[in-house]
Amino acid sequence: MPRYRIHRLKGHLRDHFRFAPHVSGTAQVKPRDYELGESVEASTPYAAYFERKGTGAPLAPGDLLESEDGALHIFKFVGFEEAQWVLPEPKPEEVPATTQDI
C-alpha cells in the first residue's frame, strides 16, 4: 500500500490560504511554507484523508500529501488537486574583479 508523507501548512499562513480565491490547475507551493509531519499508509489521497479524519491531527485545507514517487497533492476545500514545489533560483556567484578588467 502506498505511503504518503504529510506536509503541514504553517499556522500563520492558514488564514491566507482560507480566503484566497480558488484557482484550477497545478498549485505552486514553497517548501518554506510547510513543516514535515507524519506519514500515513493509504491507497489514495482521499483514503489518507479519511484515515487521518478521526485522529487528533486531521488533514486541514492547505496541507500536502507527498507520495513515494514524489507526486504532491494539496488538500483544498473542493478536494485534492495536483501541486508542485517552487524552488528558489540559485544566486549567481559573484566574479571577483581583476586588475585586467580595468
N, C-alpha and C. Protein backbone atom coordinates (compact mmCIF):
# COMPACT_ATOMS: atom_id res chain seq x y z
N MET A 1 0.84 -1.17 0.00
CA MET A 1 0.00 0.00 0.00
C MET A 1 0.89 1.24 0.00
N PRO A 2 0.55 2.24 -0.80
CA PRO A 2 1.37 3.46 -0.86
C PRO A 2 1.43 4.18 0.48
N ARG A 3 2.52 4.87 0.69
CA ARG A 3 2.72 5.69 1.89
C ARG A 3 2.81 7.14 1.44
N TYR A 4 2.13 8.01 2.17
CA TYR A 4 2.15 9.44 1.90
C TYR A 4 2.80 10.16 3.08
N ARG A 5 3.70 11.10 2.76
CA ARG A 5 4.25 11.98 3.79
C ARG A 5 3.36 13.21 3.85
N ILE A 6 3.05 13.63 5.04
CA ILE A 6 2.19 14.80 5.23
C ILE A 6 3.06 16.02 5.47
N HIS A 7 2.81 17.07 4.72
CA HIS A 7 3.46 18.36 4.92
C HIS A 7 2.37 19.31 5.41
N ARG A 8 2.55 19.83 6.62
CA ARG A 8 1.54 20.71 7.24
C ARG A 8 1.84 22.17 6.90
N LEU A 9 0.81 22.89 6.44
CA LEU A 9 0.94 24.31 6.19
C LEU A 9 1.18 25.01 7.52
N LYS A 10 2.14 25.94 7.55
CA LYS A 10 2.44 26.65 8.79
C LYS A 10 1.24 27.47 9.22
N GLY A 11 1.05 27.57 10.53
CA GLY A 11 -0.13 28.18 11.12
C GLY A 11 -0.43 29.59 10.66
N HIS A 12 0.61 30.42 10.52
CA HIS A 12 0.36 31.82 10.16
C HIS A 12 -0.10 31.99 8.71
N LEU A 13 -0.04 30.94 7.91
CA LEU A 13 -0.46 31.02 6.51
C LEU A 13 -1.86 30.44 6.29
N ARG A 14 -2.44 29.84 7.30
CA ARG A 14 -3.75 29.19 7.13
C ARG A 14 -4.86 30.16 6.75
N ASP A 15 -4.92 31.33 7.38
CA ASP A 15 -5.97 32.30 7.04
C ASP A 15 -5.80 32.79 5.60
N HIS A 16 -4.58 33.02 5.20
CA HIS A 16 -4.34 33.46 3.82
C HIS A 16 -4.83 32.40 2.84
N PHE A 17 -4.52 31.14 3.12
CA PHE A 17 -4.98 30.06 2.24
C PHE A 17 -6.50 29.97 2.23
N ARG A 18 -7.09 30.13 3.40
CA ARG A 18 -8.54 30.00 3.54
C ARG A 18 -9.30 31.03 2.70
N PHE A 19 -8.80 32.26 2.66
CA PHE A 19 -9.51 33.33 1.99
C PHE A 19 -9.01 33.62 0.57
N ALA A 20 -8.01 32.89 0.12
CA ALA A 20 -7.51 33.07 -1.25
C ALA A 20 -8.53 32.50 -2.23
N PRO A 21 -8.67 33.12 -3.40
CA PRO A 21 -9.62 32.59 -4.39
C PRO A 21 -9.16 31.23 -4.90
N HIS A 22 -10.12 30.38 -5.24
CA HIS A 22 -9.80 29.06 -5.77
C HIS A 22 -9.34 29.21 -7.22
N VAL A 23 -8.22 28.62 -7.52
CA VAL A 23 -7.72 28.59 -8.90
C VAL A 23 -7.55 27.14 -9.31
N SER A 24 -7.82 26.86 -10.56
CA SER A 24 -7.65 25.49 -11.04
C SER A 24 -6.25 25.32 -11.61
N GLY A 25 -5.88 24.09 -11.81
CA GLY A 25 -4.55 23.79 -12.33
C GLY A 25 -3.62 23.39 -11.20
N THR A 26 -2.38 23.17 -11.55
CA THR A 26 -1.38 22.73 -10.59
C THR A 26 -1.01 23.87 -9.64
N ALA A 27 -1.11 23.62 -8.35
CA ALA A 27 -0.76 24.62 -7.34
C ALA A 27 0.75 24.71 -7.21
N GLN A 28 1.26 25.91 -7.10
CA GLN A 28 2.68 26.15 -6.90
C GLN A 28 2.90 26.41 -5.41
N VAL A 29 3.66 25.56 -4.74
CA VAL A 29 3.86 25.68 -3.30
C VAL A 29 5.34 25.80 -2.97
N LYS A 30 5.63 26.52 -1.90
CA LYS A 30 7.02 26.75 -1.47
C LYS A 30 7.35 25.88 -0.27
N PRO A 31 8.47 25.18 -0.31
CA PRO A 31 8.84 24.31 0.82
C PRO A 31 8.94 25.06 2.15
N ARG A 32 9.31 26.34 2.12
CA ARG A 32 9.47 27.09 3.37
C ARG A 32 8.14 27.32 4.09
N ASP A 33 7.01 27.15 3.38
CA ASP A 33 5.69 27.36 3.97
C ASP A 33 5.15 26.11 4.67
N TYR A 34 5.91 25.02 4.67
CA TYR A 34 5.41 23.74 5.19
C TYR A 34 6.37 23.14 6.20
N GLU A 35 5.80 22.37 7.10
CA GLU A 35 6.56 21.59 8.07
C GLU A 35 6.27 20.12 7.81
N LEU A 36 7.31 19.31 7.80
CA LEU A 36 7.14 17.88 7.56
C LEU A 36 6.47 17.25 8.77
N GLY A 37 5.41 16.52 8.50
CA GLY A 37 4.67 15.85 9.57
C GLY A 37 4.87 14.36 9.50
N GLU A 38 3.87 13.65 9.93
CA GLU A 38 3.92 12.18 9.97
C GLU A 38 3.63 11.58 8.60
N SER A 39 3.62 10.27 8.54
CA SER A 39 3.28 9.54 7.32
C SER A 39 1.99 8.77 7.54
N VAL A 40 1.35 8.43 6.43
CA VAL A 40 0.13 7.64 6.51
C VAL A 40 0.11 6.67 5.34
N GLU A 41 -0.32 5.44 5.60
CA GLU A 41 -0.47 4.45 4.53
C GLU A 41 -1.91 4.47 4.06
N ALA A 42 -2.09 4.66 2.74
CA ALA A 42 -3.44 4.70 2.17
C ALA A 42 -3.33 4.46 0.68
N SER A 43 -4.42 4.00 0.08
CA SER A 43 -4.41 3.69 -1.35
C SER A 43 -4.52 4.94 -2.22
N THR A 44 -5.17 5.99 -1.72
CA THR A 44 -5.34 7.24 -2.47
C THR A 44 -5.23 8.41 -1.49
N PRO A 45 -5.07 9.64 -2.00
CA PRO A 45 -5.10 10.80 -1.09
C PRO A 45 -6.41 10.89 -0.30
N TYR A 46 -7.53 10.55 -0.94
CA TYR A 46 -8.80 10.60 -0.23
C TYR A 46 -8.86 9.57 0.89
N ALA A 47 -8.30 8.39 0.65
CA ALA A 47 -8.24 7.38 1.70
C ALA A 47 -7.35 7.87 2.85
N ALA A 48 -6.28 8.59 2.53
CA ALA A 48 -5.42 9.15 3.57
C ALA A 48 -6.18 10.19 4.38
N TYR A 49 -6.99 10.99 3.71
CA TYR A 49 -7.81 11.99 4.41
C TYR A 49 -8.73 11.30 5.42
N PHE A 50 -9.44 10.28 4.98
CA PHE A 50 -10.37 9.59 5.88
C PHE A 50 -9.64 8.82 6.98
N GLU A 51 -8.43 8.36 6.69
CA GLU A 51 -7.62 7.68 7.71
C GLU A 51 -7.25 8.65 8.83
N ARG A 52 -6.92 9.89 8.47
CA ARG A 52 -6.50 10.90 9.45
C ARG A 52 -7.68 11.63 10.09
N LYS A 53 -8.86 11.54 9.48
CA LYS A 53 -10.02 12.32 9.93
C LYS A 53 -10.38 12.07 11.39
N GLY A 54 -10.33 10.86 11.83
CA GLY A 54 -10.72 10.53 13.19
C GLY A 54 -9.63 10.68 14.23
N THR A 55 -8.47 11.16 13.85
CA THR A 55 -7.34 11.28 14.78
C THR A 55 -7.30 12.69 15.36
N GLY A 56 -6.34 12.92 16.22
CA GLY A 56 -6.16 14.23 16.82
C GLY A 56 -5.51 15.23 15.88
N ALA A 57 -5.02 14.77 14.74
CA ALA A 57 -4.35 15.65 13.78
C ALA A 57 -4.87 15.37 12.37
N PRO A 58 -6.14 15.73 12.09
CA PRO A 58 -6.67 15.50 10.74
C PRO A 58 -6.03 16.43 9.73
N LEU A 59 -6.15 16.09 8.46
CA LEU A 59 -5.66 16.97 7.42
C LEU A 59 -6.51 18.23 7.38
N ALA A 60 -5.87 19.37 7.16
CA ALA A 60 -6.58 20.64 7.08
C ALA A 60 -6.33 21.25 5.70
N PRO A 61 -7.23 22.11 5.24
CA PRO A 61 -7.01 22.75 3.94
C PRO A 61 -5.65 23.44 3.90
N GLY A 62 -4.94 23.20 2.81
CA GLY A 62 -3.59 23.73 2.65
C GLY A 62 -2.51 22.71 2.89
N ASP A 63 -2.83 21.61 3.57
CA ASP A 63 -1.83 20.56 3.81
C ASP A 63 -1.55 19.79 2.53
N LEU A 64 -0.35 19.23 2.46
CA LEU A 64 0.08 18.47 1.28
C LEU A 64 0.27 17.01 1.63
N LEU A 65 0.02 16.16 0.65
CA LEU A 65 0.39 14.75 0.73
C LEU A 65 1.41 14.50 -0.37
N GLU A 66 2.54 13.91 0.00
CA GLU A 66 3.58 13.58 -0.97
C GLU A 66 3.69 12.07 -1.06
N SER A 67 3.46 11.54 -2.26
CA SER A 67 3.52 10.09 -2.45
C SER A 67 4.97 9.64 -2.55
N GLU A 68 5.17 8.34 -2.52
CA GLU A 68 6.52 7.77 -2.57
C GLU A 68 7.26 8.13 -3.85
N ASP A 69 6.52 8.37 -4.93
CA ASP A 69 7.16 8.74 -6.20
C ASP A 69 7.37 10.24 -6.33
N GLY A 70 7.06 11.01 -5.28
CA GLY A 70 7.31 12.45 -5.27
C GLY A 70 6.15 13.31 -5.73
N ALA A 71 5.03 12.71 -6.13
CA ALA A 71 3.88 13.48 -6.56
C ALA A 71 3.25 14.17 -5.35
N LEU A 72 2.87 15.44 -5.53
CA LEU A 72 2.25 16.22 -4.47
C LEU A 72 0.78 16.42 -4.73
N HIS A 73 -0.02 16.37 -3.65
CA HIS A 73 -1.46 16.63 -3.72
C HIS A 73 -1.78 17.60 -2.59
N ILE A 74 -2.39 18.73 -2.95
CA ILE A 74 -2.77 19.71 -1.94
C ILE A 74 -4.24 19.54 -1.59
N PHE A 75 -4.54 19.59 -0.30
CA PHE A 75 -5.91 19.46 0.17
C PHE A 75 -6.56 20.83 0.16
N LYS A 76 -7.58 20.99 -0.67
CA LYS A 76 -8.34 22.23 -0.74
C LYS A 76 -9.76 21.95 -0.28
N PHE A 77 -10.55 22.99 -0.19
CA PHE A 77 -11.94 22.84 0.25
C PHE A 77 -12.75 22.00 -0.74
N VAL A 78 -12.31 21.92 -1.98
CA VAL A 78 -13.03 21.17 -3.01
C VAL A 78 -12.48 19.76 -3.20
N GLY A 79 -11.46 19.40 -2.46
CA GLY A 79 -10.85 18.09 -2.59
C GLY A 79 -9.35 18.21 -2.79
N PHE A 80 -8.74 17.20 -3.38
CA PHE A 80 -7.30 17.20 -3.62
C PHE A 80 -7.01 17.62 -5.05
N GLU A 81 -5.95 18.41 -5.22
CA GLU A 81 -5.51 18.81 -6.54
C GLU A 81 -4.00 18.65 -6.61
N GLU A 82 -3.47 18.59 -7.82
CA GLU A 82 -2.03 18.44 -8.00
C GLU A 82 -1.31 19.69 -7.53
N ALA A 83 -0.08 19.48 -7.08
CA ALA A 83 0.76 20.60 -6.65
C ALA A 83 2.19 20.29 -7.05
N GLN A 84 3.01 21.31 -7.04
CA GLN A 84 4.44 21.11 -7.28
C GLN A 84 5.23 22.14 -6.49
N TRP A 85 6.43 21.74 -6.09
CA TRP A 85 7.30 22.63 -5.33
C TRP A 85 7.83 23.72 -6.25
N VAL A 86 7.91 24.92 -5.72
CA VAL A 86 8.56 26.04 -6.41
C VAL A 86 9.85 26.29 -5.64
N LEU A 87 10.96 26.01 -6.27
CA LEU A 87 12.25 26.17 -5.62
C LEU A 87 12.88 27.49 -6.05
N PRO A 88 13.51 28.21 -5.12
CA PRO A 88 14.13 29.47 -5.49
C PRO A 88 15.32 29.23 -6.42
N GLU A 89 15.52 30.19 -7.31
CA GLU A 89 16.66 30.08 -8.22
C GLU A 89 17.95 30.32 -7.43
N PRO A 90 19.00 29.57 -7.73
CA PRO A 90 20.26 29.79 -7.01
C PRO A 90 20.82 31.16 -7.34
N LYS A 91 21.43 31.76 -6.33
CA LYS A 91 22.04 33.07 -6.54
C LYS A 91 23.28 32.92 -7.41
N PRO A 92 23.45 33.82 -8.37
CA PRO A 92 24.65 33.73 -9.21
C PRO A 92 25.89 34.08 -8.39
N GLU A 93 26.96 33.39 -8.69
CA GLU A 93 28.21 33.65 -8.00
C GLU A 93 28.81 34.94 -8.51
N GLU A 94 29.33 35.72 -7.60
CA GLU A 94 29.98 36.97 -8.00
C GLU A 94 31.39 36.64 -8.49
N VAL A 95 31.71 37.20 -9.61
CA VAL A 95 33.04 37.02 -10.16
C VAL A 95 33.89 38.17 -9.64
N PRO A 96 35.01 37.88 -8.95
CA PRO A 96 35.82 38.97 -8.42
C PRO A 96 36.44 39.78 -9.55
N ALA A 97 36.41 41.07 -9.39
CA ALA A 97 37.00 41.97 -10.39
C ALA A 97 38.52 41.83 -10.33
N THR A 98 39.13 41.81 -11.48
CA THR A 98 40.59 41.72 -11.53
C THR A 98 41.14 43.01 -12.10
N THR A 99 42.40 43.20 -11.96
CA THR A 99 43.02 44.44 -12.47
C THR A 99 43.09 44.41 -13.99
N GLN A 100 42.95 43.25 -14.60
CA GLN A 100 42.99 43.16 -16.06
C GLN A 100 41.72 43.73 -16.68
N ASP A 101 40.62 43.76 -15.93
CA ASP A 101 39.36 44.28 -16.44
C ASP A 101 39.34 45.79 -16.52
N ILE A 102 40.28 46.46 -15.90
CA ILE A 102 40.27 47.92 -15.86
C ILE A 102 40.95 48.51 -17.06
